[in-house]
Amino acid sequence: MAEAPVPLTEDEIAVALQEAPGWRREGDEITRTYSIRYHGGVAMIVHVADVERLISHHADIDLRWGKVRFAITTHDAGHRLTAADFDLARRIDAIAAAHDAEPLDE
């Protein structure tokens, strides 16, 4: 049986956010929105989903016309932030760059 993920402390979250530029904390989630054409957004989501399946961690994804928003938290840690959330954020940034998605500051 796998061990439950360990939530980060407030200090660890602050450091992790500094190392994840563009991501912002909203309660117990980190979020980021990208500007991308609708069909490009669909392709990006499929790419992210393939990686999420491999690492057994997923984001909540909201696709709208012209933008995609990702919200990440660790459900198995009581909807709290863990190191896995920031790892996924870095992976999403790399995938977004590969799909020419532009970060939006909202």
C-alpha atoms as a PDB file:
ATOM      1  CA  MET A   1       0.000   0.000   0.000  1.00  0.00           C
ATOM      2  CA  ALA A   2       1.392   3.396  -0.992  1.00  0.00           C
ATOM      3  CA  GLU A   3       2.055   5.965   1.685  1.00  0.00           C
ATOM      4  CA  ALA A   4      -0.177   9.026   1.773  1.00  0.00           C
ATOM      5  CA  PRO A   5       1.452  12.124   0.271  1.00  0.00           C
ATOM      6  CA  VAL A   6       2.829  14.571   2.814  1.00  0.00           C
ATOM      7  CA  PRO A   7       1.433  18.118   2.634  1.00  0.00           C
ATOM      8  CA  LEU A   8       3.985  20.905   2.384  1.00  0.00           C
ATOM      9  CA  THR A   9       4.400  23.429   5.183  1.00  0.00           C
ATOM     10  CA  GLU A  10       3.586  27.077   4.535  1.00  0.00           C
ATOM     11  CA  ASP A  11       7.324  27.853   4.305  1.00  0.00           C
ATOM     12  CA  GLU A  12       7.864  25.012   1.820  1.00  0.00           C
ATOM     13  CA  ILE A  13       4.931  26.247  -0.274  1.00  0.00           C
ATOM     14  CA  ALA A  14       6.408  29.770  -0.347  1.00  0.00           C
ATOM     15  CA  VAL A  15       9.747  28.426  -1.597  1.00  0.00           C
ATOM     16  CA  ALA A  16       8.083  26.157  -4.157  1.00  0.00           C
ATOM     17  CA  LEU A  17       6.036  29.069  -5.517  1.00  0.00           C
ATOM     18  CA  GLN A  18       9.216  31.102  -5.984  1.00  0.00           C
ATOM     19  CA  GLU A  19      10.598  28.183  -8.000  1.00  0.00           C
ATOM     20  CA  ALA A  20       7.432  27.991 -10.123  1.00  0.00           C
ATOM     21  CA  PRO A  21       7.119  31.442 -11.703  1.00  0.00           C
ATOM     22  CA  GLY A  22       3.679  32.227 -13.063  1.00  0.00           C
ATOM     23  CA  TRP A  23       1.864  29.803 -10.796  1.00  0.00           C
ATOM     24  CA  ARG A  24      -0.167  31.353  -8.027  1.00  0.00           C
ATOM     25  CA  ARG A  25      -1.771  30.000  -4.940  1.00  0.00           C
ATOM     26  CA  GLU A  26      -5.533  30.073  -4.606  1.00  0.00           C
ATOM     27  CA  GLY A  27      -6.379  28.487  -1.272  1.00  0.00           C
ATOM     28  CA  ASP A  28      -5.099  24.927  -1.346  1.00  0.00           C
ATOM     29  CA  GLU A  29      -4.461  24.901  -5.093  1.00  0.00           C
ATOM     30  CA  ILE A  30      -1.885  26.344  -7.440  1.00  0.00           C
ATOM     31  CA  THR A  31      -3.242  27.698 -10.708  1.00  0.00           C
ATOM     32  CA  ARG A  32      -2.088  28.976 -14.057  1.00  0.00           C
ATOM     33  CA  THR A  33      -3.913  30.011 -17.218  1.00  0.00           C
ATOM     34  CA  TYR A  34      -2.572  29.924 -20.767  1.00  0.00           C
ATOM     35  CA  SER A  35      -3.792  31.618 -23.918  1.00  0.00           C
ATOM     36  CA  ILE A  36      -4.079  29.163 -26.795  1.00  0.00           C
ATOM     37  CA  ARG A  37      -6.419  28.587 -29.709  1.00  0.00           C
ATOM     38  CA  TYR A  38      -9.244  26.189 -28.843  1.00  0.00           C
ATOM     39  CA  HIS A  39      -8.054  23.186 -30.866  1.00  0.00           C
ATOM     40  CA  GLY A  40      -4.483  23.779 -29.759  1.00  0.00           C
ATOM     41  CA  GLY A  41      -5.782  23.753 -26.197  1.00  0.00           C
ATOM     42  CA  VAL A  42      -7.407  20.380 -26.779  1.00  0.00           C
ATOM     43  CA  ALA A  43      -4.105  18.979 -28.071  1.00  0.00           C
ATOM     44  CA  MET A  44      -2.243  20.446 -25.101  1.00  0.00           C
ATOM     45  CA  ILE A  45      -4.724  18.888 -22.668  1.00  0.00           C
ATOM     46  CA  VAL A  46      -4.257  15.463 -24.278  1.00  0.00           C
ATOM     47  CA  HIS A  47      -0.478  15.858 -23.927  1.00  0.00           C
ATOM     48  CA  VAL A  48      -0.839  16.869 -20.258  1.00  0.00           C
ATOM     49  CA  ALA A  49      -3.238  13.963 -19.637  1.00  0.00           C
ATOM     50  CA  ASP A  50      -0.714  11.480 -21.069  1.00  0.00           C
ATOM     51  CA  VAL A  51       1.939  12.733 -18.646  1.00  0.00           C
ATOM     52  CA  GLU A  52      -0.511  12.808 -15.740  1.00  0.00           C
ATOM     53  CA  ARG A  53      -1.379   9.166 -16.356  1.00  0.00           C
ATOM     54  CA  LEU A  54       2.299   8.223 -16.233  1.00  0.00           C
ATOM     55  CA  ILE A  55       2.954  10.036 -12.950  1.00  0.00           C
ATOM     56  CA  SER A  56      -0.430   9.201 -11.365  1.00  0.00           C
ATOM     57  CA  HIS A  57      -1.215  12.806 -10.546  1.00  0.00           C
ATOM     58  CA  HIS A  58      -3.652  15.133 -12.287  1.00  0.00           C
ATOM     59  CA  ALA A  59      -4.780  18.716 -12.487  1.00  0.00           C
ATOM     60  CA  ASP A  60      -8.297  20.050 -12.754  1.00  0.00           C
ATOM     61  CA  ILE A  61      -8.491  21.495 -16.270  1.00  0.00           C
ATOM     62  CA  ASP A  62     -10.861  24.159 -17.570  1.00  0.00           C
ATOM     63  CA  LEU A  63     -10.869  24.665 -21.353  1.00  0.00           C
ATOM     64  CA  ARG A  64     -12.538  27.813 -22.637  1.00  0.00           C
ATOM     65  CA  TRP A  65     -12.454  29.522 -26.002  1.00  0.00           C
ATOM     66  CA  GLY A  66      -8.912  30.870 -26.287  1.00  0.00           C
ATOM     67  CA  LYS A  67      -7.584  29.688 -22.919  1.00  0.00           C
ATOM     68  CA  VAL A  68      -6.872  26.731 -20.666  1.00  0.00           C
ATOM     69  CA  ARG A  69      -6.699  26.951 -16.866  1.00  0.00           C
ATOM     70  CA  PHE A  70      -4.975  24.361 -14.688  1.00  0.00           C
ATOM     71  CA  ALA A  71      -5.607  23.992 -10.955  1.00  0.00           C
ATOM     72  CA  ILE A  72      -3.494  21.539  -8.987  1.00  0.00           C
ATOM     73  CA  THR A  73      -3.844  20.100  -5.495  1.00  0.00           C
ATOM     74  CA  THR A  74      -3.260  16.665  -4.021  1.00  0.00           C
ATOM     75  CA  HIS A  75      -6.593  14.997  -3.375  1.00  0.00           C
ATOM     76  CA  ASP A  76      -4.956  12.109  -1.470  1.00  0.00           C
ATOM     77  CA  ALA A  77      -3.452  14.619   0.974  1.00  0.00           C
ATOM     78  CA  GLY A  78      -6.825  16.104   1.867  1.00  0.00           C
ATOM     79  CA  HIS A  79      -6.768  18.644  -0.981  1.00  0.00           C
ATOM     80  CA  ARG A  80      -3.521  20.145   0.259  1.00  0.00           C
ATOM     81  CA  LEU A  81      -0.371  21.102  -1.637  1.00  0.00           C
ATOM     82  CA  THR A  82       2.476  18.600  -1.959  1.00  0.00           C
ATOM     83  CA  ALA A  83       5.751  18.383  -3.871  1.00  0.00           C
ATOM     84  CA  ALA A  84       3.892  16.400  -6.561  1.00  0.00           C
ATOM     85  CA  ASP A  85       1.789  19.477  -7.352  1.00  0.00           C
ATOM     86  CA  PHE A  86       4.826  21.595  -8.111  1.00  0.00           C
ATOM     87  CA  ASP A  87       6.398  18.783 -10.129  1.00  0.00           C
ATOM     88  CA  LEU A  88       3.246  18.618 -12.252  1.00  0.00           C
ATOM     89  CA  ALA A  89       3.230  22.419 -12.605  1.00  0.00           C
ATOM     90  CA  ARG A  90       6.756  22.317 -14.076  1.00  0.00           C
ATOM     91  CA  ARG A  91       5.706  19.569 -16.479  1.00  0.00           C
ATOM     92  CA  ILE A  92       2.642  21.571 -17.560  1.00  0.00           C
ATOM     93  CA  ASP A  93       4.852  24.623 -18.191  1.00  0.00           C
ATOM     94  CA  ALA A  94       7.092  22.552 -20.471  1.00  0.00           C
ATOM     95  CA  ILE A  95       4.122  21.091 -22.343  1.00  0.00           C
ATOM     96  CA  ALA A  96       2.520  24.526 -22.710  1.00  0.00           C
ATOM     97  CA  ALA A  97       5.753  25.886 -24.189  1.00  0.00           C
ATOM     98  CA  ALA A  98       5.882  22.982 -26.644  1.00  0.00           C
ATOM     99  CA  HIS A  99       2.339  23.901 -27.772  1.00  0.00           C
ATOM    100  CA  ASP A 100       3.164  27.626 -28.050  1.00  0.00           C
ATOM    101  CA  ALA A 101       0.653  28.478 -25.318  1.00  0.00           C
ATOM    102  CA  GLU A 102       1.169  31.926 -23.792  1.00  0.00           C
ATOM    103  CA  PRO A 103       0.871  32.331 -20.019  1.00  0.00           C
ATOM    104  CA  LEU A 104      -1.834  34.762 -18.937  1.00  0.00           C
ATOM    105  CA  ASP A 105      -1.528  36.864 -15.821  1.00  0.00           C
ATOM    106  CA  GLU A 106      -5.054  37.152 -14.472  1.00  0.00           C
END
